[in-house]
Amino acid sequence: MQVTETLNSGLKREIKITVPAGDMEAKLMARLSDARNKVRINGFRPGKVPVQHLRKVYGKSFMAEVVNEILNDSTRSIITGRGEKAAMQPEVIMTEDEKEAEKILAGGADFEFRLNYEVIPPIEIKDFSDIKVTRQVFDVPDEEIDEQVKRVAESARTYEPKTGKAAEGDRVTIDYVGKIDGEAFGGGAGTDQPLVLGSKEFIPGFEDQLVGSKAGDEKQVTVTFPENYQAAHLAGKEATFDVTVKEVSKPGALEINDEMAKNLGLESLERLREVVRGQIENQFGAITRQKVKRQLLDQLDAAYSFEAPSKLVDAEFNNIWNQVNRDLEAAGRTFADEETTEEEARAEYMRLAERRVRLGLVLAEIGEKAGVTVTDEELQRGLFEQVRRYPANQQQEAFEFYRNNPEALNTLRAPMFEEKVVDHLLGQISVTDVKVSKEELLADEEDTETTKAKPAKKAAAKKADTKKADDDAEEPKKKAAPKKKAAKDAE
């Protein structure tokens, strides 16, 4: 096998490999000899089939196997032997001339092919002692816990049907159909929807117009969607809702005691408080970690400047760009609505893609040198956590999909590896804890550049999570606050 470098420019490489026809013939004959004792051909006793007859029957298919074997085995060994790491799977270029290909399969010509690839540049890991980050810490007060426990109790409160008019605090069960300019809009209808008046669960003005209604009433509610409404095609627009009140119920006593906690599957009120506190602390802790990670990545980005493999950058850009366009389409917006142009947005997201690729390579190098790994047990836990996000009737199918698709499983392994590298770095750098208020912690929580592919900045739609934006358009509700989610999780 002859290996010749035909291109070495920046990170780009091209290698020409030539396997002499004699070597190909030797490999073919070895396969034919091995097959001689295994194949069964009419008219010949086992092990007595002439090799030339076998070649006539199986020669081309066996030679095709030889070609594939050479491609599979030599690609990795050649690049490793050169002391290089390919950024992506090398592109294999073979002859497209049918006559030449027939000669190779017949054993009458050398087998030549080329490998095109980009290398990962060498990265010299620098000292971490100069990296300093501030970790904002919010101590959750008892009042916050009390408020969330009260919300849990309110969600568990029983209601009894009542006659007469609905008052604030009563629960109405309604059907509704939303219209804009007389036309029903997608996701604007609901049936048997429970709504506690005064809960501020629906958009401003909706609940107020149902106070005083009775079972059987048909009302037309007129509201204006907020200017910052997450479904941008509805933002700022006036809508009417044809509402049918099907039932009015009055609330039972608000009970905050052990019995209420037991009805939720917990042994005591104290245990409920522990669960709620843990959920709230986890939510704020996630924000704290994201801010710390952002500071860390910003300083790593400033410390490492090198050419990133263009194919990795292009792949990352395509992921971001596709997500951005899906978000814009879902929100019914354009780049002009985001006060930019497609050209400017492309340039911005290309810079973001380059940053993410560089940071990904830096973190990978740091992790490799530090011996960071994701164990099979950790990956299994991550898999179960991912599968739990699917509906119950789809979880087994999702589990099998990940288990049978190594690439899909790697999409779980990669972020787990990244988080473990971040944990390693946090143990090496200077971290200063600073006590802050909840308002300070939540300030400036707009998602910014990280190594993960998410829409970012002005050209993206208002919400990075398109599913959440779609869900919000399905009924005239306001976005639930984080503390509300904690209460729901504890139910």
Protein backbone atom coordinates (compact mmCIF):
# COMPACT_ATOMS: atom_id res chain seq x y z
CA MET A 1 0.00 0.00 0.00
CA GLN A 2 1.43 3.35 -1.08
CA VAL A 3 0.35 6.47 0.81
CA THR A 4 1.03 9.89 -0.74
CA GLU A 5 0.04 13.27 0.64
CA THR A 6 -1.38 15.38 -2.19
CA LEU A 7 -2.71 18.34 -0.17
CA ASN A 8 -1.60 20.00 3.05
CA SER A 9 -3.13 23.47 3.34
CA GLY A 10 -4.15 24.84 6.71
CA LEU A 11 -6.37 22.16 8.22
CA LYS A 12 -7.21 20.54 4.88
CA ARG A 13 -5.58 17.26 3.91
CA GLU A 14 -5.80 14.94 0.91
CA ILE A 15 -4.15 11.55 0.90
CA LYS A 16 -3.80 9.27 -2.12
CA ILE A 17 -3.69 5.54 -1.37
CA THR A 18 -2.68 2.96 -3.94
CA VAL A 19 -3.08 -0.77 -3.30
CA PRO A 20 -1.21 -2.73 -6.00
CA ALA A 21 -3.23 -5.21 -8.04
CA GLY A 22 -0.98 -7.99 -6.72
CA ASP A 23 -1.97 -7.24 -3.13
CA MET A 24 -5.62 -7.14 -4.10
CA GLU A 25 -5.22 -10.50 -5.82
CA ALA A 26 -3.60 -12.01 -2.73
CA LYS A 27 -6.45 -10.85 -0.51
CA LEU A 28 -9.01 -12.21 -2.97
CA MET A 29 -7.31 -15.60 -3.17
CA ALA A 30 -7.21 -15.83 0.60
CA ARG A 31 -10.98 -15.30 0.72
CA LEU A 32 -11.59 -17.82 -2.04
CA SER A 33 -9.42 -20.38 -0.30
CA ASP A 34 -11.31 -19.86 2.96
CA ALA A 35 -14.65 -20.13 1.17
CA ARG A 36 -13.66 -23.34 -0.59
CA ASN A 37 -14.30 -25.40 2.53
CA LYS A 38 -17.54 -23.61 3.37
CA VAL A 39 -19.61 -23.14 0.22
CA ARG A 40 -21.82 -25.85 -1.25
CA ILE A 41 -22.06 -25.97 -5.05
CA ASN A 42 -23.99 -28.64 -6.92
CA GLY A 43 -21.75 -31.12 -8.66
CA PHE A 44 -18.81 -30.71 -6.29
CA ARG A 45 -17.97 -32.45 -3.06
CA PRO A 46 -17.37 -30.25 0.02
CA GLY A 47 -13.86 -28.79 -0.11
CA LYS A 48 -13.27 -29.93 -3.70
CA VAL A 49 -14.61 -26.90 -5.58
CA PRO A 50 -11.84 -25.55 -7.87
CA VAL A 51 -10.68 -22.08 -6.86
CA GLN A 52 -11.09 -20.80 -10.40
CA HIS A 53 -14.70 -21.94 -10.43
CA LEU A 54 -15.25 -20.17 -7.12
CA ARG A 55 -13.64 -17.06 -8.60
CA LYS A 56 -15.97 -17.20 -11.59
CA VAL A 57 -19.00 -17.40 -9.27
CA TYR A 58 -17.94 -15.21 -6.34
CA GLY A 59 -14.91 -13.25 -7.58
CA LYS A 60 -16.49 -9.83 -8.01
CA SER A 61 -18.52 -9.94 -4.81
CA PHE A 62 -15.49 -11.12 -2.81
CA MET A 63 -13.32 -8.40 -4.37
CA ALA A 64 -15.96 -5.83 -3.44
CA GLU A 65 -15.65 -7.07 0.14
CA VAL A 66 -11.87 -6.66 -0.09
CA VAL A 67 -12.34 -3.06 -1.28
CA ASN A 68 -14.68 -2.28 1.63
CA GLU A 69 -12.32 -3.92 4.09
CA ILE A 70 -9.42 -1.80 2.84
CA LEU A 71 -11.49 1.37 3.06
CA ASN A 72 -12.70 0.60 6.59
CA ASP A 73 -9.36 -0.53 7.97
CA SER A 74 -6.97 1.83 6.24
CA THR A 75 -8.81 5.11 6.71
CA ARG A 76 -8.44 5.20 10.48
CA SER A 77 -4.99 3.61 10.59
CA ILE A 78 -3.52 5.98 7.99
CA ILE A 79 -4.75 9.12 9.77
CA THR A 80 -3.72 7.80 13.18
CA GLY A 81 -0.34 6.84 11.79
CA ARG A 82 0.16 10.41 10.65
CA GLY A 83 -0.49 11.61 14.20
CA GLU A 84 -3.64 13.44 13.15
CA LYS A 85 -7.26 13.58 14.31
CA ALA A 86 -9.89 13.99 11.63
CA ALA A 87 -12.53 16.59 12.46
CA MET A 88 -15.20 14.53 10.68
CA GLN A 89 -15.44 11.26 8.81
CA PRO A 90 -13.06 11.62 5.83
CA GLU A 91 -14.56 11.86 2.36
CA VAL A 92 -13.55 8.85 0.27
CA ILE A 93 -13.08 9.51 -3.45
CA MET A 94 -12.86 6.56 -5.81
CA THR A 95 -12.93 6.25 -9.58
CA GLU A 96 -16.26 6.87 -11.25
CA ASP A 97 -15.13 5.21 -14.48
CA GLU A 98 -17.15 1.99 -14.81
CA LYS A 99 -14.51 0.25 -16.94
CA GLU A 100 -11.80 1.09 -14.42
CA ALA A 101 -14.00 -0.17 -11.57
CA GLU A 102 -14.60 -3.43 -13.44
CA LYS A 103 -10.83 -3.91 -13.85
CA ILE A 104 -10.33 -3.45 -10.11
CA LEU A 105 -13.04 -5.96 -9.26
CA ALA A 106 -11.56 -8.37 -11.76
CA GLY A 107 -8.13 -8.01 -10.16
CA GLY A 108 -6.61 -6.41 -13.24
CA ALA A 109 -5.80 -2.92 -11.91
CA ASP A 110 -4.39 -1.19 -8.87
CA PHE A 111 -7.01 0.08 -6.43
CA GLU A 112 -6.59 3.83 -5.96
CA PHE A 113 -8.62 6.12 -3.77
CA ARG A 114 -8.23 9.45 -2.00
CA LEU A 115 -9.13 10.66 1.47
CA ASN A 116 -10.21 14.27 1.89
CA TYR A 117 -10.50 15.53 5.47
CA GLU A 118 -9.79 18.32 7.89
CA VAL A 119 -7.67 17.85 10.97
CA ILE A 120 -8.37 19.06 14.46
CA PRO A 121 -5.67 21.64 15.21
CA PRO A 122 -3.34 20.98 18.12
CA ILE A 123 -4.60 22.75 21.24
CA GLU A 124 -2.18 23.62 24.02
CA ILE A 125 -4.13 23.76 27.26
CA LYS A 126 -3.29 26.88 29.23
CA ASP A 127 -3.09 27.48 32.95
CA PHE A 128 -6.52 27.95 34.56
CA SER A 129 -5.33 30.04 37.49
CA ASP A 130 -6.21 33.33 35.78
CA ILE A 131 -9.85 32.37 35.26
CA LYS A 132 -12.11 33.95 37.85
CA VAL A 133 -15.88 33.68 37.99
CA THR A 134 -18.58 34.96 40.33
CA ARG A 135 -21.26 32.55 41.47
CA GLN A 136 -24.51 34.25 42.38
CA VAL A 137 -26.28 32.48 45.22
CA PHE A 138 -29.90 33.06 46.19
CA ASP A 139 -30.97 31.69 49.56
CA VAL A 140 -34.62 30.73 49.21
CA PRO A 141 -36.52 32.32 52.13
CA ASP A 142 -39.24 30.53 54.05
CA GLU A 143 -41.76 33.00 52.65
CA GLU A 144 -41.06 31.69 49.14
CA ILE A 145 -41.66 28.14 50.33
CA ASP A 146 -44.86 29.17 52.09
CA GLU A 147 -46.15 30.82 48.93
CA GLN A 148 -45.48 27.74 46.81
CA VAL A 149 -47.01 25.38 49.37
CA LYS A 150 -50.09 27.59 49.38
CA ARG A 151 -50.26 27.32 45.59
CA VAL A 152 -50.02 23.54 45.87
CA ALA A 153 -52.83 23.57 48.42
CA GLU A 154 -54.92 25.77 46.14
CA SER A 155 -54.38 23.36 43.26
CA ALA A 156 -55.51 20.50 45.51
CA ARG A 157 -58.55 22.39 46.80
CA THR A 158 -61.91 20.77 46.09
CA TYR A 159 -64.78 22.58 44.39
CA GLU A 160 -68.52 22.04 44.68
CA PRO A 161 -71.11 23.07 42.04
CA LYS A 162 -73.04 26.19 42.96
CA THR A 163 -76.08 27.96 41.59
CA GLY A 164 -76.07 31.62 40.82
CA LYS A 165 -73.35 33.94 39.56
CA ALA A 166 -69.65 33.22 39.49
CA ALA A 167 -67.56 35.35 41.83
CA GLU A 168 -63.82 35.83 41.99
CA GLY A 169 -62.29 32.68 43.44
CA ASP A 170 -64.97 30.45 41.93
CA ARG A 171 -64.08 27.94 39.26
CA VAL A 172 -65.89 27.97 35.93
CA THR A 173 -65.79 25.21 33.34
CA ILE A 174 -65.96 26.66 29.84
CA ASP A 175 -65.86 25.94 26.13
CA TYR A 176 -64.38 28.72 24.01
CA VAL A 177 -63.50 29.61 20.43
CA GLY A 178 -61.16 32.53 19.73
CA LYS A 179 -61.48 34.73 16.64
CA ILE A 180 -59.51 37.57 15.10
CA ASP A 181 -61.35 39.74 12.60
CA GLY A 182 -64.18 37.22 12.73
CA GLU A 183 -61.97 34.27 11.74
CA ALA A 184 -61.11 31.47 14.19
CA PHE A 185 -57.37 31.12 14.68
CA GLY A 186 -55.43 27.92 15.17
CA GLY A 187 -55.06 26.75 18.76
CA GLY A 188 -57.62 29.27 20.02
CA ALA A 189 -60.33 26.81 21.04
CA GLY A 190 -60.88 24.65 24.12
CA THR A 191 -63.53 22.45 25.67
CA ASP A 192 -64.28 21.63 29.30
CA GLN A 193 -61.53 24.04 30.37
CA PRO A 194 -61.49 24.69 34.15
CA LEU A 195 -60.58 28.24 35.10
CA VAL A 196 -60.39 29.76 38.57
CA LEU A 197 -61.47 33.39 38.33
CA GLY A 198 -58.79 35.65 39.72
CA SER A 199 -55.99 33.15 39.15
CA LYS A 200 -54.64 35.33 36.30
CA GLU A 201 -54.03 32.12 34.39
CA PHE A 202 -55.49 33.51 31.17
CA ILE A 203 -54.46 36.69 29.40
CA PRO A 204 -55.39 40.01 31.09
CA GLY A 205 -59.07 40.89 30.94
CA PHE A 206 -60.35 37.42 30.09
CA GLU A 207 -61.27 36.26 33.59
CA ASP A 208 -62.72 39.61 34.66
CA GLN A 209 -65.41 39.38 31.97
CA LEU A 210 -66.62 36.03 33.30
CA VAL A 211 -67.29 37.30 36.83
CA GLY A 212 -71.06 37.31 37.29
CA SER A 213 -71.72 34.62 34.67
CA LYS A 214 -73.92 31.58 35.37
CA ALA A 215 -74.01 28.01 34.13
CA GLY A 216 -75.53 27.99 30.65
CA ASP A 217 -74.51 31.56 29.83
CA GLU A 218 -73.01 32.31 26.44
CA LYS A 219 -70.72 35.32 26.50
CA GLN A 220 -68.42 37.08 24.09
CA VAL A 221 -65.15 38.07 25.70
CA THR A 222 -62.98 40.68 24.01
CA VAL A 223 -59.30 40.92 24.91
CA THR A 224 -56.06 42.19 23.43
CA PHE A 225 -53.05 39.88 23.38
CA PRO A 226 -50.01 41.42 25.12
CA GLU A 227 -47.42 43.02 22.86
CA ASN A 228 -44.82 40.54 24.16
CA TYR A 229 -47.07 37.50 23.74
CA GLN A 230 -44.97 34.46 22.90
CA ALA A 231 -46.97 33.54 19.80
CA ALA A 232 -45.82 36.56 17.80
CA HIS A 233 -48.59 36.27 15.18
CA LEU A 234 -51.10 37.01 17.97
CA ALA A 235 -49.09 39.63 19.86
CA GLY A 236 -50.87 42.96 20.19
CA LYS A 237 -53.99 41.82 18.34
CA GLU A 238 -57.55 42.16 19.55
CA ALA A 239 -59.46 38.89 19.74
CA THR A 240 -62.97 37.84 20.66
CA PHE A 241 -63.78 34.57 22.37
CA ASP A 242 -67.19 32.95 22.15
CA VAL A 243 -67.47 31.40 25.61
CA THR A 244 -70.02 28.92 26.92
CA VAL A 245 -70.12 28.60 30.72
CA LYS A 246 -70.91 24.97 31.48
CA GLU A 247 -70.51 24.94 35.25
CA VAL A 248 -69.81 27.23 38.17
CA SER A 249 -68.23 25.79 41.32
CA LYS A 250 -67.32 27.29 44.65
CA PRO A 251 -64.07 26.47 46.42
CA GLY A 252 -63.88 24.32 49.51
CA ALA A 253 -61.80 25.26 52.51
CA LEU A 254 -58.11 25.88 51.85
CA GLU A 255 -56.34 23.20 53.89
CA ILE A 256 -52.62 23.33 54.48
CA ASN A 257 -51.95 20.34 56.72
CA ASP A 258 -50.68 16.78 56.82
CA GLU A 259 -53.93 15.46 55.35
CA MET A 260 -53.55 17.64 52.29
CA ALA A 261 -49.98 16.44 51.83
CA LYS A 262 -51.09 12.80 52.16
CA ASN A 263 -53.69 13.37 49.44
CA LEU A 264 -50.77 14.35 47.20
CA GLY A 265 -48.91 11.14 48.02
CA LEU A 266 -46.54 12.58 50.63
CA GLU A 267 -46.34 11.54 54.26
CA SER A 268 -46.61 14.97 55.85
CA LEU A 269 -46.78 18.72 55.35
CA GLU A 270 -43.15 18.96 56.37
CA ARG A 271 -42.21 16.52 53.63
CA LEU A 272 -44.17 18.61 51.13
CA ARG A 273 -42.23 21.67 52.21
CA GLU A 274 -38.97 19.76 51.69
CA VAL A 275 -40.04 18.73 48.18
CA VAL A 276 -41.08 22.25 47.25
CA ARG A 277 -37.87 23.73 48.67
CA GLY A 278 -35.78 21.22 46.73
CA GLN A 279 -37.54 22.01 43.48
CA ILE A 280 -37.21 25.75 43.90
CA GLU A 281 -33.55 25.49 44.90
CA ASN A 282 -32.88 23.28 41.87
CA GLN A 283 -34.50 25.83 39.57
CA PHE A 284 -32.53 28.75 40.93
CA GLY A 285 -29.41 26.59 41.13
CA ALA A 286 -29.72 25.84 37.41
CA ILE A 287 -29.80 29.57 36.69
CA THR A 288 -26.76 30.10 38.90
CA ARG A 289 -24.85 27.34 37.11
CA GLN A 290 -25.77 28.68 33.68
CA LYS A 291 -24.43 32.12 34.60
CA VAL A 292 -21.20 30.64 35.98
CA LYS A 293 -20.79 28.47 32.90
CA ARG A 294 -21.35 31.49 30.66
CA GLN A 295 -18.56 33.40 32.43
CA LEU A 296 -16.26 30.39 32.14
CA LEU A 297 -16.94 29.90 28.43
CA ASP A 298 -16.49 33.59 27.71
CA GLN A 299 -13.02 33.52 29.28
CA LEU A 300 -12.08 30.30 27.48
CA ASP A 301 -13.24 31.87 24.23
CA ALA A 302 -11.00 34.87 24.88
CA ALA A 303 -8.05 32.64 25.78
CA TYR A 304 -8.10 30.33 22.76
CA SER A 305 -7.94 31.60 19.21
CA PHE A 306 -7.33 29.13 16.39
CA GLU A 307 -8.78 28.13 13.05
CA ALA A 308 -11.76 25.83 13.48
CA PRO A 309 -12.41 23.02 10.97
CA SER A 310 -14.74 24.51 8.36
CA LYS A 311 -16.91 21.40 8.01
CA LEU A 312 -17.60 21.34 11.75
CA VAL A 313 -18.44 25.04 11.64
CA ASP A 314 -20.71 24.55 8.64
CA ALA A 315 -22.53 21.67 10.37
CA GLU A 316 -22.99 23.74 13.54
CA PHE A 317 -24.17 26.75 11.55
CA ASN A 318 -26.72 24.63 9.69
CA ASN A 319 -28.11 23.35 13.01
CA ILE A 320 -28.47 26.90 14.32
CA TRP A 321 -29.79 28.34 11.07
CA ASN A 322 -32.43 25.64 10.66
CA GLN A 323 -33.62 26.23 14.23
CA VAL A 324 -33.75 29.99 13.72
CA ASN A 325 -35.86 29.64 10.59
CA ARG A 326 -38.18 27.14 12.26
CA ASP A 327 -38.68 29.60 15.12
CA LEU A 328 -39.35 32.51 12.80
CA GLU A 329 -41.82 30.46 10.79
CA ALA A 330 -43.60 29.24 13.91
CA ALA A 331 -43.86 32.80 15.20
CA GLY A 332 -44.98 34.19 11.85
CA ARG A 333 -42.09 36.67 11.82
CA THR A 334 -39.34 37.69 9.42
CA PHE A 335 -35.78 38.94 9.81
CA ALA A 336 -37.10 42.44 9.18
CA ASP A 337 -39.43 42.02 12.18
CA GLU A 338 -36.32 41.26 14.23
CA GLU A 339 -34.67 44.47 12.95
CA THR A 340 -32.01 42.68 10.94
CA THR A 341 -31.46 41.20 7.49
CA GLU A 342 -30.86 37.63 6.44
CA GLU A 343 -27.30 38.54 5.46
CA GLU A 344 -26.57 40.11 8.83
CA ALA A 345 -28.18 37.20 10.64
CA ARG A 346 -26.11 34.69 8.67
CA ALA A 347 -22.90 36.49 9.55
CA GLU A 348 -23.89 36.65 13.22
CA TYR A 349 -24.76 32.98 13.44
CA MET A 350 -21.64 31.97 11.57
CA ARG A 351 -19.61 33.74 14.28
CA LEU A 352 -21.67 31.92 16.89
CA ALA A 353 -21.05 28.57 15.15
CA GLU A 354 -17.30 29.21 15.04
CA ARG A 355 -17.28 30.05 18.74
CA ARG A 356 -19.19 26.92 19.67
CA VAL A 357 -16.92 24.68 17.63
CA ARG A 358 -13.76 26.19 19.14
CA LEU A 359 -15.14 25.91 22.67
CA GLY A 360 -16.27 22.35 21.99
CA LEU A 361 -12.77 21.39 20.86
CA VAL A 362 -11.16 23.15 23.84
CA LEU A 363 -13.48 21.41 26.31
CA ALA A 364 -12.89 18.06 24.61
CA GLU A 365 -9.12 18.51 24.87
CA ILE A 366 -9.34 19.57 28.52
CA GLY A 367 -11.59 16.61 29.29
CA GLU A 368 -9.34 14.14 27.50
CA LYS A 369 -6.21 15.34 29.28
CA ALA A 370 -8.04 15.30 32.63
CA GLY A 371 -9.35 11.78 32.05
CA VAL A 372 -12.99 12.87 32.11
CA THR A 373 -15.35 10.16 30.91
CA VAL A 374 -19.06 9.43 30.87
CA THR A 375 -19.61 5.99 32.36
CA ASP A 376 -22.13 3.52 30.99
CA GLU A 377 -24.11 3.90 34.20
CA GLU A 378 -24.25 7.70 33.80
CA LEU A 379 -25.27 7.35 30.18
CA GLN A 380 -27.98 4.89 31.17
CA ARG A 381 -29.35 7.35 33.74
CA GLY A 382 -29.28 10.09 31.14
CA LEU A 383 -31.11 7.85 28.70
CA PHE A 384 -33.87 7.08 31.21
CA GLU A 385 -34.17 10.78 32.04
CA GLN A 386 -34.52 11.61 28.35
CA VAL A 387 -37.08 8.88 27.73
CA ARG A 388 -39.21 10.07 30.66
CA ARG A 389 -39.89 13.27 28.71
CA TYR A 390 -41.88 11.34 26.15
CA PRO A 391 -45.56 10.42 26.58
CA ALA A 392 -45.98 7.11 28.42
CA ASN A 393 -47.15 5.29 25.29
CA GLN A 394 -44.01 6.38 23.38
CA GLN A 395 -41.34 5.74 26.01
CA GLN A 396 -40.51 2.17 25.03
CA GLU A 397 -40.20 3.17 21.38
CA ALA A 398 -37.95 6.10 22.30
CA PHE A 399 -35.82 3.85 24.50
CA GLU A 400 -35.30 1.35 21.67
CA PHE A 401 -34.49 4.15 19.24
CA TYR A 402 -31.65 5.47 21.39
CA ARG A 403 -30.35 2.01 22.23
CA ASN A 404 -30.22 1.00 18.56
CA ASN A 405 -28.75 4.26 17.21
CA PRO A 406 -25.22 5.03 18.43
CA GLU A 407 -25.31 8.52 16.90
CA ALA A 408 -28.52 9.34 18.77
CA LEU A 409 -26.98 8.02 21.98
CA ASN A 410 -23.97 10.25 21.41
CA THR A 411 -26.29 13.27 21.42
CA LEU A 412 -26.91 12.37 25.07
CA ARG A 413 -23.29 11.58 25.88
CA ALA A 414 -21.85 14.84 24.47
CA PRO A 415 -23.66 17.31 26.78
CA MET A 416 -23.06 15.01 29.77
CA PHE A 417 -19.33 15.01 28.95
CA GLU A 418 -19.36 18.79 28.59
CA GLU A 419 -21.01 19.27 32.00
CA LYS A 420 -18.45 16.97 33.63
CA VAL A 421 -15.62 18.98 32.06
CA VAL A 422 -17.22 22.17 33.38
CA ASP A 423 -17.38 20.57 36.84
CA HIS A 424 -13.68 19.70 36.52
CA LEU A 425 -12.82 23.27 35.56
CA LEU A 426 -14.85 24.74 38.41
CA GLY A 427 -12.58 22.79 40.74
CA GLN A 428 -9.50 24.34 39.12
CA ILE A 429 -10.45 28.01 38.78
CA SER A 430 -11.24 30.79 41.24
CA VAL A 431 -14.95 30.85 42.13
CA THR A 432 -16.31 33.58 44.40
CA ASP A 433 -19.79 33.16 45.88
CA VAL A 434 -21.92 36.30 46.12
CA LYS A 435 -25.31 36.40 47.85
CA VAL A 436 -27.93 38.06 45.64
CA SER A 437 -31.66 38.71 45.63
CA LYS A 438 -34.01 36.76 43.42
CA GLU A 439 -34.39 39.79 41.15
CA GLU A 440 -30.61 40.05 40.72
CA LEU A 441 -30.32 36.35 39.94
CA LEU A 442 -33.10 36.44 37.36
CA ALA A 443 -31.82 39.61 35.70
CA ASP A 444 -30.38 39.29 32.21
CA GLU A 445 -31.44 35.67 31.82
CA GLU A 446 -31.68 35.88 28.04
CA ASP A 447 -29.96 32.84 26.58
CA THR A 448 -26.57 33.78 25.13
CA GLU A 449 -23.80 31.97 23.34
CA THR A 450 -22.96 28.51 24.66
CA THR A 451 -21.51 25.44 23.02
CA LYS A 452 -25.00 24.03 22.53
CA ALA A 453 -26.96 24.75 19.38
CA LYS A 454 -29.80 27.06 20.36
CA PRO A 455 -31.22 30.08 18.58
CA ALA A 456 -29.77 33.27 20.01
CA LYS A 457 -29.94 37.04 19.80
CA LYS A 458 -32.01 39.31 17.62
CA ALA A 459 -32.63 37.22 14.51
CA ALA A 460 -34.11 34.36 16.51
CA ALA A 461 -37.81 34.18 17.24
CA LYS A 462 -38.95 35.37 20.65
CA LYS A 463 -38.84 31.85 22.07
CA ALA A 464 -36.03 29.36 21.53
CA ASP A 465 -38.34 26.54 22.51
CA THR A 466 -40.77 26.32 19.58
CA LYS A 467 -42.90 23.65 21.23
CA LYS A 468 -43.52 25.90 24.21
CA ALA A 469 -44.42 28.79 21.92
CA ASP A 470 -46.88 26.57 20.07
CA ASP A 471 -48.39 25.37 23.34
CA ASP A 472 -48.90 28.96 24.47
CA ALA A 473 -50.84 29.72 21.28
CA GLU A 474 -53.26 26.87 21.93
CA GLU A 475 -55.20 28.75 24.60
CA PRO A 476 -55.47 32.35 25.77
CA LYS A 477 -53.10 31.93 28.73
CA LYS A 478 -50.18 33.84 30.12
CA LYS A 479 -46.79 32.23 30.50
CA ALA A 480 -46.56 30.36 33.83
CA ALA A 481 -43.96 31.73 36.23
CA PRO A 482 -41.18 29.39 37.38
CA LYS A 483 -42.61 29.31 40.91
CA LYS A 484 -45.91 28.11 39.50
CA LYS A 485 -44.17 25.21 37.83
CA ALA A 486 -42.61 24.22 41.14
CA ALA A 487 -46.04 24.07 42.69
CA LYS A 488 -47.36 21.93 39.85
CA ASP A 489 -44.42 19.51 40.10
CA ALA A 490 -45.10 18.97 43.78
CA GLU A 491 -48.70 17.97 43.23
